[in-house]
Protein backbone atom coordinates (compact mmCIF):
# COMPACT_ATOMS: atom_id res chain seq x y z
CA UNK A 1 237.02 163.59 182.14
CA UNK A 2 235.04 165.29 179.36
CA UNK A 3 231.29 165.73 179.55
CA UNK A 4 228.92 163.92 177.23
CA UNK A 5 228.09 167.13 175.33
CA UNK A 6 231.78 167.87 174.67
CA UNK A 7 232.38 164.34 173.41
CA UNK A 8 229.28 164.51 171.22
CA UNK A 9 230.25 167.84 169.63
CA UNK A 10 233.79 166.56 169.01
CA UNK A 11 232.36 163.43 167.35
CA UNK A 12 230.06 165.53 165.12
CA UNK A 13 233.05 167.57 163.95
CA UNK A 14 234.83 164.40 162.85
CA UNK A 15 231.92 163.03 160.84
CA UNK A 16 232.18 163.99 157.14
CA UNK A 17 229.35 166.03 155.66
CA UNK A 18 226.96 164.06 153.50
CA UNK A 19 225.67 165.77 150.37
CA UNK A 20 222.03 165.56 149.42
CA UNK A 21 221.15 162.10 148.13
CA UNK A 22 221.19 161.91 144.37
CA UNK A 23 218.88 159.80 142.29
CA UNK A 24 220.40 156.56 141.12
CA UNK A 25 218.73 157.00 137.77
CA UNK A 26 219.20 159.98 135.51
CA UNK A 27 217.71 160.33 132.07
CA UNK A 28 220.65 159.99 129.67
CA UNK A 29 221.46 162.92 127.40
CA UNK A 30 222.17 162.48 123.69
CA UNK A 31 225.62 163.00 122.27
CA UNK A 32 225.86 163.62 118.57
CA UNK A 33 226.22 166.07 115.75
CA UNK A 34 224.61 167.35 112.59
CA UNK A 35 226.17 166.12 109.39
CA UNK A 36 224.78 167.81 106.30
CA UNK A 37 221.03 167.34 106.45
CA UNK A 38 221.14 164.49 109.00
CA UNK A 39 221.36 164.34 112.78
CA UNK A 40 223.58 161.59 114.15
CA UNK A 41 223.23 160.41 117.74
CA UNK A 42 226.44 158.59 118.60
CA UNK A 43 225.42 157.15 121.99
CA UNK A 44 222.03 155.69 121.01
CA UNK A 45 222.81 152.07 122.03
CA UNK A 46 224.24 153.30 125.36
CA UNK A 47 221.02 155.23 126.01
CA UNK A 48 218.95 152.13 125.25
CA UNK A 49 221.04 149.97 127.57
CA UNK A 50 220.74 152.56 130.38
CA UNK A 51 216.95 152.57 129.91
CA UNK A 52 216.90 148.75 129.56
CA UNK A 53 214.75 148.92 126.46
CA UNK A 54 215.13 147.53 122.96
CA UNK A 55 216.68 150.02 120.51
CA UNK A 56 213.88 149.32 118.02
CA UNK A 57 211.24 150.38 120.56
CA UNK A 58 212.92 153.72 121.30
CA UNK A 59 213.58 154.17 117.57
CA UNK A 60 209.88 153.77 116.72
CA UNK A 61 208.92 156.24 119.45
CA UNK A 62 211.44 158.85 118.28
CA UNK A 63 210.43 158.44 114.65
CA UNK A 64 206.79 159.03 115.52
CA UNK A 65 207.39 161.93 117.90
CA UNK A 66 210.00 163.72 115.78
CA UNK A 67 208.17 162.97 112.49
CA UNK A 68 211.29 161.85 110.68
CA UNK A 69 212.61 158.59 109.29
CA UNK A 70 215.63 157.13 111.06
CA UNK A 71 217.92 154.10 110.98
CA UNK A 72 220.17 152.40 113.49
CA UNK A 73 223.70 151.95 112.22
CA UNK A 74 226.11 150.16 114.58
CA UNK A 75 225.79 151.98 117.94
CA UNK A 76 224.40 155.20 116.52
CA UNK A 77 221.07 156.53 115.30
CA UNK A 78 220.81 158.54 112.10
CA UNK A 79 217.81 160.85 111.81
CA UNK A 80 217.01 162.09 108.31
CA UNK A 81 216.74 165.79 109.18
CA UNK A 82 218.34 168.42 111.37
CA UNK A 83 216.96 168.27 114.91
CA UNK A 84 218.29 170.06 117.96
CA UNK A 85 219.65 167.92 120.77
CA UNK A 86 217.36 169.68 123.24
CA UNK A 87 214.24 168.49 121.40
CA UNK A 88 215.63 164.94 121.18
CA UNK A 89 216.41 165.01 124.92
CA UNK A 90 212.89 166.24 125.60
CA UNK A 91 211.38 163.33 123.64
CA UNK A 92 213.63 160.83 125.45
CA UNK A 93 212.45 162.25 128.79
CA UNK A 94 208.83 161.79 127.66
CA UNK A 95 209.67 158.20 126.63
CA UNK A 96 211.16 157.55 130.07
CA UNK A 97 208.02 158.87 131.80
CA UNK A 98 205.76 156.73 129.61
CA UNK A 99 207.72 153.49 129.17
CA UNK A 100 210.44 153.27 131.85
CA UNK A 101 209.51 154.84 135.20
CA UNK A 102 206.97 153.09 137.41
CA UNK A 103 203.89 155.29 137.89
CA UNK A 104 203.60 154.11 141.52
CA UNK A 105 207.13 154.23 142.98
CA UNK A 106 208.91 156.25 140.23
CA UNK A 107 211.73 153.70 139.97
CA UNK A 108 213.24 152.61 136.63
CA UNK A 109 213.18 148.89 137.47
CA UNK A 110 210.43 148.02 135.02
CA UNK A 111 209.77 145.65 132.15
CA UNK A 112 207.39 145.99 129.23
CA UNK A 113 205.16 142.95 128.86
CA UNK A 114 202.73 142.27 126.05
CA UNK A 115 199.52 140.62 127.28
CA UNK A 116 197.27 139.84 124.32
CA UNK A 117 197.03 143.26 122.63
CA UNK A 118 197.74 145.32 125.76
CA UNK A 119 201.26 146.39 126.67
CA UNK A 120 201.80 146.61 130.41
CA UNK A 121 204.56 148.11 132.51
CA UNK A 122 205.56 145.69 135.29
CA UNK A 123 207.63 147.15 138.15
CA UNK A 124 210.20 144.79 139.61
CA UNK A 125 210.68 147.01 142.69
CA UNK A 126 207.13 147.44 143.99
CA UNK A 127 205.23 144.87 141.91
CA UNK A 128 202.82 147.35 140.31
CA UNK A 129 201.40 146.46 136.94
CA UNK A 130 199.94 149.23 134.77
CA UNK A 131 198.80 149.31 131.16
CA UNK A 132 200.81 151.64 128.94
CA UNK A 133 198.54 154.41 127.67
CA UNK A 134 200.51 155.24 124.52
CA UNK A 135 200.89 152.88 121.59
CA UNK A 136 203.85 152.88 119.27
């Protein structure tokens, strides 16, 4: 009969290695191209659905932060000047920190609620309710 230690070491060898836990939420990256003097983001609606925010809200934020007019056409966003994808990704990450992630538990399960003139971020995971500091 095998000893407990031998059985335990044999069992550990059979258990598959578990990689480091990954976050269930990653900030989506833009996919698009420059066409003439315009930047076209082809996955704009997909980004909005991943963030669970209205496309118009993210559009207003990007227009203000990138200082350029833009329009939503079908599932894509057309910005009226050439902008690098890295700067757009950076602005989307800032948007996520301000309007998507809960300041308490850092989870993306939030909703924007408008109470009178104050917009609040309500977390569905931990129940925290915080006013949003930035206006759009």
